Amino acid sequence: MSFNNTSSTARAGDIAQLVGLRHKHFIITLAEGSKFETHRGVLLHDDLIGKPWGTQVFSHLGAPFFLLQPSLADLLTDLPRTTQILYPKDIGFILVTMGVGPGKKIMEAGTGSGSMTIALAYAVGAEGRVISYEIKPDAQNLAKKNLERVGLASRVDFKLRDIQGGFDETDADALFLDLPNPFDYIPQVRAALKPGGFLCSLLPTVNQVEQLLIALRREHFAFVEVCEVLVRYYQAEPSRLRPTDRMVAHTGFLIFARRIEPSEDVRGKELNDEIGAIEN
């Protein structure tokens, strides 16, 4: 199955999105001979297969829908989950800031339901690799199913174990920690990253961030940044453009850092102090 085909028409095996009145949307996998049932009527998959994306279609009761390719954000918010997933606003910023792209080797600890795993697997492309560590079997099994659902499981190596003993891999381009206590694993992270590699962690409280900052400085990580991403939507009506009644505000603190190799040469002291490379 695929959600990212380049065809202009819907094909059997594609993941499709049906958007109806009041933006009510449904994500389905098209299959010959199947049907989609909703309180607004039934749509036959055979009637959808072969239609151009963006086409307006109708149920047997005459209810209107648009047939669309779902975006990555649509898929991530629709995932079956047992834990809180990352929001697309945070995921996009993480991918760009850590330079995640085709061919990269990316690691994560704390697979959860697999939303970040899917985004990473999508971004690294067919030549890249994602290695994802999780300690809970149930969470990992759900994440595997979610990756298989979107056709990206072949890009991911799943590891079921605690990272206290370290990672199997080295020279990773970037590593994402989605754990409540990332500050306990910074030496392990340093050993897994290539020199100059990126680290990112998402934390909900200031207290956790403070502990992580201390650990990062102790283990010679630098170029540390702490931020949050806020998104406000507006009503897209020309005559009454204004913010919508709700916004996606604080969902967590994002902490970025890079593994560096500080020199003990006295000429580098000012720069090392400036970027927090040496614990005082």
Protein backbone atom coordinates (compact mmCIF):
# COMPACT_ATOMS: atom_id res chain seq x y z
CA MET A 1 0.00 0.00 0.00
CA SER A 2 1.05 3.57 -0.52
CA PHE A 3 0.09 7.06 0.51
CA ASN A 4 2.78 8.81 -1.51
CA ASN A 5 2.32 7.63 -5.07
CA THR A 6 2.95 10.05 -7.90
CA SER A 7 -0.04 8.97 -9.97
CA SER A 8 -2.71 11.58 -10.64
CA THR A 9 -5.43 8.98 -10.16
CA ALA A 10 -6.42 6.70 -7.28
CA ARG A 11 -5.28 3.11 -7.56
CA ALA A 12 -6.03 -0.11 -5.71
CA GLY A 13 -3.72 -0.29 -2.69
CA ASP A 14 -3.49 3.48 -2.29
CA ILE A 15 -4.34 5.14 1.01
CA ALA A 16 -7.08 7.66 0.29
CA GLN A 17 -8.82 10.37 2.26
CA LEU A 18 -12.53 11.13 1.94
CA VAL A 19 -13.47 14.60 3.19
CA GLY A 20 -17.15 15.38 3.66
CA LEU A 21 -19.35 18.05 5.19
CA ARG A 22 -17.91 20.05 8.12
CA HIS A 23 -14.47 18.68 7.12
CA LYS A 24 -15.32 15.25 8.53
CA HIS A 25 -12.67 13.02 7.04
CA PHE A 26 -11.98 9.31 6.76
CA ILE A 27 -8.78 7.53 5.72
CA ILE A 28 -9.16 4.22 3.90
CA THR A 29 -7.04 1.82 1.85
CA LEU A 30 -8.58 1.30 -1.57
CA ALA A 31 -9.25 -2.32 -2.48
CA GLU A 32 -11.17 -3.75 -5.40
CA GLY A 33 -14.57 -5.11 -4.37
CA SER A 34 -14.60 -3.29 -1.02
CA LYS A 35 -16.97 -0.61 0.19
CA PHE A 36 -16.82 2.24 2.66
CA GLU A 37 -19.83 2.65 4.92
CA THR A 38 -20.69 5.84 6.77
CA HIS A 39 -23.81 7.38 8.29
CA ARG A 40 -23.93 9.51 5.14
CA GLY A 41 -24.13 6.49 2.86
CA VAL A 42 -21.99 3.90 1.12
CA LEU A 43 -19.19 4.44 -1.40
CA LEU A 44 -17.86 1.54 -3.45
CA HIS A 45 -14.09 1.39 -3.73
CA ASP A 46 -14.45 0.32 -7.37
CA ASP A 47 -16.17 3.65 -8.06
CA LEU A 48 -13.23 5.52 -6.52
CA ILE A 49 -10.37 3.59 -8.13
CA GLY A 50 -9.30 5.29 -11.34
CA LYS A 51 -10.73 8.68 -10.45
CA PRO A 52 -8.38 11.71 -10.40
CA TRP A 53 -7.34 12.89 -6.96
CA GLY A 54 -9.38 15.92 -5.94
CA THR A 55 -12.55 14.57 -7.55
CA GLN A 56 -15.88 15.14 -5.82
CA VAL A 57 -17.70 11.84 -5.25
CA PHE A 58 -21.08 10.97 -3.77
CA SER A 59 -22.42 8.21 -1.54
CA HIS A 60 -25.46 6.18 -2.50
CA LEU A 61 -27.49 8.68 -0.45
CA GLY A 62 -26.06 11.60 -2.41
CA ALA A 63 -23.74 12.89 0.35
CA PRO A 64 -20.73 14.73 -1.14
CA PHE A 65 -17.09 13.90 -0.47
CA PHE A 66 -13.76 14.87 -1.98
CA LEU A 67 -11.32 12.09 -2.85
CA LEU A 68 -7.83 13.19 -1.81
CA GLN A 69 -4.37 11.84 -1.12
CA PRO A 70 -3.80 12.26 2.63
CA SER A 71 -0.83 14.32 3.71
CA LEU A 72 1.70 12.96 6.17
CA ALA A 73 0.08 15.17 8.82
CA ASP A 74 -3.32 13.62 8.06
CA LEU A 75 -1.92 10.13 8.51
CA LEU A 76 -0.11 10.92 11.74
CA THR A 77 -3.16 12.44 13.43
CA ASP A 78 -5.27 9.45 12.32
CA LEU A 79 -2.95 6.75 13.70
CA PRO A 80 -4.25 4.17 16.16
CA ARG A 81 -2.41 4.98 19.37
CA THR A 82 -2.11 4.13 23.03
CA THR A 83 0.20 7.04 23.89
CA GLN A 84 0.18 10.75 23.09
CA ILE A 85 1.55 11.26 19.60
CA LEU A 86 3.75 14.14 18.49
CA TYR A 87 1.99 16.97 16.70
CA PRO A 88 2.86 17.65 13.06
CA LYS A 89 3.95 21.18 14.02
CA ASP A 90 6.67 19.73 16.26
CA ILE A 91 7.61 16.89 13.91
CA GLY A 92 8.20 19.18 10.95
CA PHE A 93 10.41 21.52 12.95
CA ILE A 94 12.39 18.58 14.34
CA LEU A 95 13.04 17.09 10.89
CA VAL A 96 14.26 20.36 9.42
CA THR A 97 16.36 21.38 12.42
CA MET A 98 18.13 18.00 12.63
CA GLY A 99 18.70 17.87 8.87
CA VAL A 100 16.81 14.60 8.42
CA GLY A 101 16.73 13.74 4.73
CA PRO A 102 17.29 11.06 2.08
CA GLY A 103 20.02 8.55 2.88
CA LYS A 104 20.46 9.58 6.50
CA LYS A 105 20.88 7.16 9.42
CA ILE A 106 18.51 8.28 12.16
CA MET A 107 17.88 6.76 15.58
CA GLU A 108 15.14 7.20 18.13
CA ALA A 109 14.42 5.89 21.61
CA GLY A 110 10.81 5.70 22.72
CA THR A 111 8.95 4.43 19.65
CA GLY A 112 5.52 4.82 21.21
CA SER A 113 2.76 4.48 18.63
CA GLY A 114 5.20 5.23 15.82
CA SER A 115 4.19 8.71 14.67
CA MET A 116 7.73 10.08 14.76
CA THR A 117 9.02 6.80 13.35
CA ILE A 118 6.76 7.19 10.33
CA ALA A 119 7.88 10.77 9.76
CA LEU A 120 11.55 9.78 10.03
CA ALA A 121 11.12 6.80 7.70
CA TYR A 122 9.34 9.00 5.17
CA ALA A 123 12.07 11.66 5.33
CA VAL A 124 15.12 9.36 4.99
CA GLY A 125 13.79 7.80 1.80
CA ALA A 126 14.45 4.34 0.42
CA GLU A 127 18.23 4.67 0.88
CA GLY A 128 18.08 5.84 4.49
CA ARG A 129 17.63 3.93 7.71
CA VAL A 130 15.72 4.45 10.96
CA ILE A 131 16.58 2.48 14.10
CA SER A 132 13.91 2.69 16.78
CA TYR A 133 14.28 1.48 20.38
CA GLU A 134 11.30 0.72 22.61
CA ILE A 135 11.04 -1.06 25.95
CA LYS A 136 7.31 -1.93 25.84
CA PRO A 137 6.32 -4.87 23.59
CA ASP A 138 2.71 -3.70 23.15
CA ALA A 139 3.81 -0.25 22.03
CA GLN A 140 6.32 -1.66 19.59
CA ASN A 141 3.77 -4.07 18.09
CA LEU A 142 1.35 -1.21 17.49
CA ALA A 143 4.09 0.92 15.95
CA LYS A 144 5.03 -1.92 13.59
CA LYS A 145 1.41 -2.21 12.45
CA ASN A 146 1.22 1.54 11.88
CA LEU A 147 4.43 1.47 9.81
CA GLU A 148 3.13 -1.46 7.77
CA ARG A 149 -0.15 0.34 7.20
CA VAL A 150 1.61 3.21 5.43
CA GLY A 151 4.13 1.02 3.62
CA LEU A 152 7.27 2.25 5.41
CA ALA A 153 8.14 -0.66 7.72
CA SER A 154 11.00 -1.83 5.46
CA ARG A 155 12.96 1.35 6.29
CA VAL A 156 12.94 0.75 10.06
CA ASP A 157 14.88 -1.57 12.36
CA PHE A 158 12.92 -2.10 15.59
CA LYS A 159 14.83 -2.89 18.78
CA LEU A 160 13.02 -4.06 21.93
CA ARG A 161 15.13 -3.21 24.95
CA ASP A 162 16.18 -0.61 27.49
CA ILE A 163 18.85 1.77 26.23
CA GLN A 164 20.55 1.90 29.64
CA GLY A 165 23.19 -0.48 28.28
CA GLY A 166 23.75 1.68 25.22
CA PHE A 167 22.85 1.45 21.55
CA ASP A 168 24.08 -1.16 19.08
CA GLU A 169 24.77 1.49 16.45
CA THR A 170 27.37 4.24 16.08
CA ASP A 171 27.87 7.17 13.71
CA ALA A 172 24.20 8.10 13.55
CA ASP A 173 23.43 11.40 11.84
CA ALA A 174 20.77 12.29 14.41
CA LEU A 175 19.00 10.82 17.42
CA PHE A 176 15.58 11.67 18.84
CA LEU A 177 14.83 10.89 22.49
CA ASP A 178 11.15 10.69 23.40
CA LEU A 179 11.62 9.64 27.02
CA PRO A 180 10.64 11.26 30.32
CA ASN A 181 14.24 11.06 31.58
CA PRO A 182 16.56 11.68 28.61
CA PHE A 183 19.16 13.18 30.95
CA ASP A 184 19.93 9.66 32.21
CA TYR A 185 21.08 8.49 28.76
CA ILE A 186 23.25 11.27 27.36
CA PRO A 187 26.53 9.26 27.55
CA GLN A 188 24.82 6.49 25.54
CA VAL A 189 23.55 9.04 23.04
CA ARG A 190 27.00 10.54 22.62
CA ALA A 191 28.47 7.11 21.86
CA ALA A 192 25.80 6.47 19.20
CA LEU A 193 26.10 9.80 17.37
CA LYS A 194 28.76 10.70 14.87
CA PRO A 195 30.84 13.78 15.75
CA GLY A 196 28.71 16.80 15.00
CA GLY A 197 25.53 14.69 15.05
CA PHE A 198 22.21 16.10 16.18
CA LEU A 199 20.23 15.29 19.32
CA CYS A 200 16.64 16.32 19.95
CA SER A 201 14.36 15.65 22.89
CA LEU A 202 10.78 16.64 23.64
CA LEU A 203 9.88 17.33 27.28
CA PRO A 204 6.73 18.69 28.94
CA THR A 205 8.14 20.48 32.00
CA VAL A 206 10.79 23.06 32.84
CA ASN A 207 12.19 20.81 35.57
CA GLN A 208 12.99 18.06 33.07
CA VAL A 209 14.54 20.55 30.66
CA GLU A 210 16.82 21.87 33.39
CA GLN A 211 18.13 18.39 34.18
CA LEU A 212 18.73 17.72 30.49
CA LEU A 213 20.68 20.94 30.02
CA ILE A 214 23.00 20.01 32.88
CA ALA A 215 23.58 16.53 31.41
CA LEU A 216 24.24 17.93 27.92
CA ARG A 217 26.93 20.29 29.18
CA ARG A 218 28.53 17.54 31.26
CA GLU A 219 28.79 15.27 28.19
CA HIS A 220 30.16 17.93 25.82
CA PHE A 221 27.10 18.72 23.76
CA ALA A 222 26.86 22.26 22.49
CA PHE A 223 24.86 24.63 20.30
CA VAL A 224 21.98 23.88 22.65
CA GLU A 225 18.62 25.44 21.88
CA VAL A 226 15.33 25.26 23.79
CA CYS A 227 12.12 26.31 22.08
CA GLU A 228 8.44 25.62 21.63
CA VAL A 229 6.34 25.70 18.47
CA LEU A 230 2.96 27.46 18.53
CA VAL A 231 0.48 27.30 15.64
CA ARG A 232 -2.55 29.55 15.21
CA TYR A 233 -5.03 28.99 12.40
CA TYR A 234 -7.23 31.66 10.85
CA GLN A 235 -10.68 31.41 9.33
CA ALA A 236 -10.04 31.51 5.60
CA GLU A 237 -12.93 33.82 4.75
CA PRO A 238 -11.89 37.04 2.94
CA SER A 239 -14.69 39.12 4.45
CA ARG A 240 -14.09 37.99 8.05
CA LEU A 241 -10.50 36.87 8.38
CA ARG A 242 -9.72 36.29 12.05
CA PRO A 243 -8.11 33.66 14.28
CA THR A 244 -10.08 30.49 14.85
CA ASP A 245 -11.46 29.94 18.32
CA ARG A 246 -8.86 27.34 19.20
CA MET A 247 -5.13 27.04 18.64
CA VAL A 248 -2.47 24.39 19.11
CA ALA A 249 -0.26 26.11 21.65
CA HIS A 250 2.32 24.57 24.00
CA THR A 251 2.71 20.83 23.46
CA GLY A 252 6.21 20.51 24.85
CA PHE A 253 9.70 21.95 24.98
CA LEU A 254 12.03 21.00 22.15
CA ILE A 255 15.69 20.74 23.12
CA PHE A 256 18.30 20.52 20.37
CA ALA A 257 22.04 19.93 20.75
CA ARG A 258 25.03 18.66 18.81
CA ARG A 259 27.87 16.37 19.76
CA ILE A 260 31.11 18.33 19.50
CA GLU A 261 34.75 17.64 20.26
CA PRO A 262 36.02 20.60 22.32
CA SER A 263 39.69 21.39 22.32
CA GLU A 264 41.66 22.06 25.49
CA ASP A 265 43.70 24.62 23.60
CA VAL A 266 43.40 27.89 25.50
CA ARG A 267 42.68 29.70 22.22
CA GLY A 268 39.30 27.93 22.08
CA LYS A 269 38.20 28.75 25.61
CA GLU A 270 36.08 31.78 24.71
CA LEU A 271 34.18 29.88 22.02
CA ASN A 272 33.78 26.80 24.21
CA ASP A 273 32.31 28.96 26.98
CA GLU A 274 30.04 30.74 24.53
CA ILE A 275 28.47 27.55 23.16
CA GLY A 276 28.39 25.71 26.50
CA ALA A 277 30.86 23.06 25.43
CA ILE A 278 32.65 22.77 28.77
CA GLU A 279 31.05 22.17 32.14
CA ASN A 280 32.03 24.92 34.55
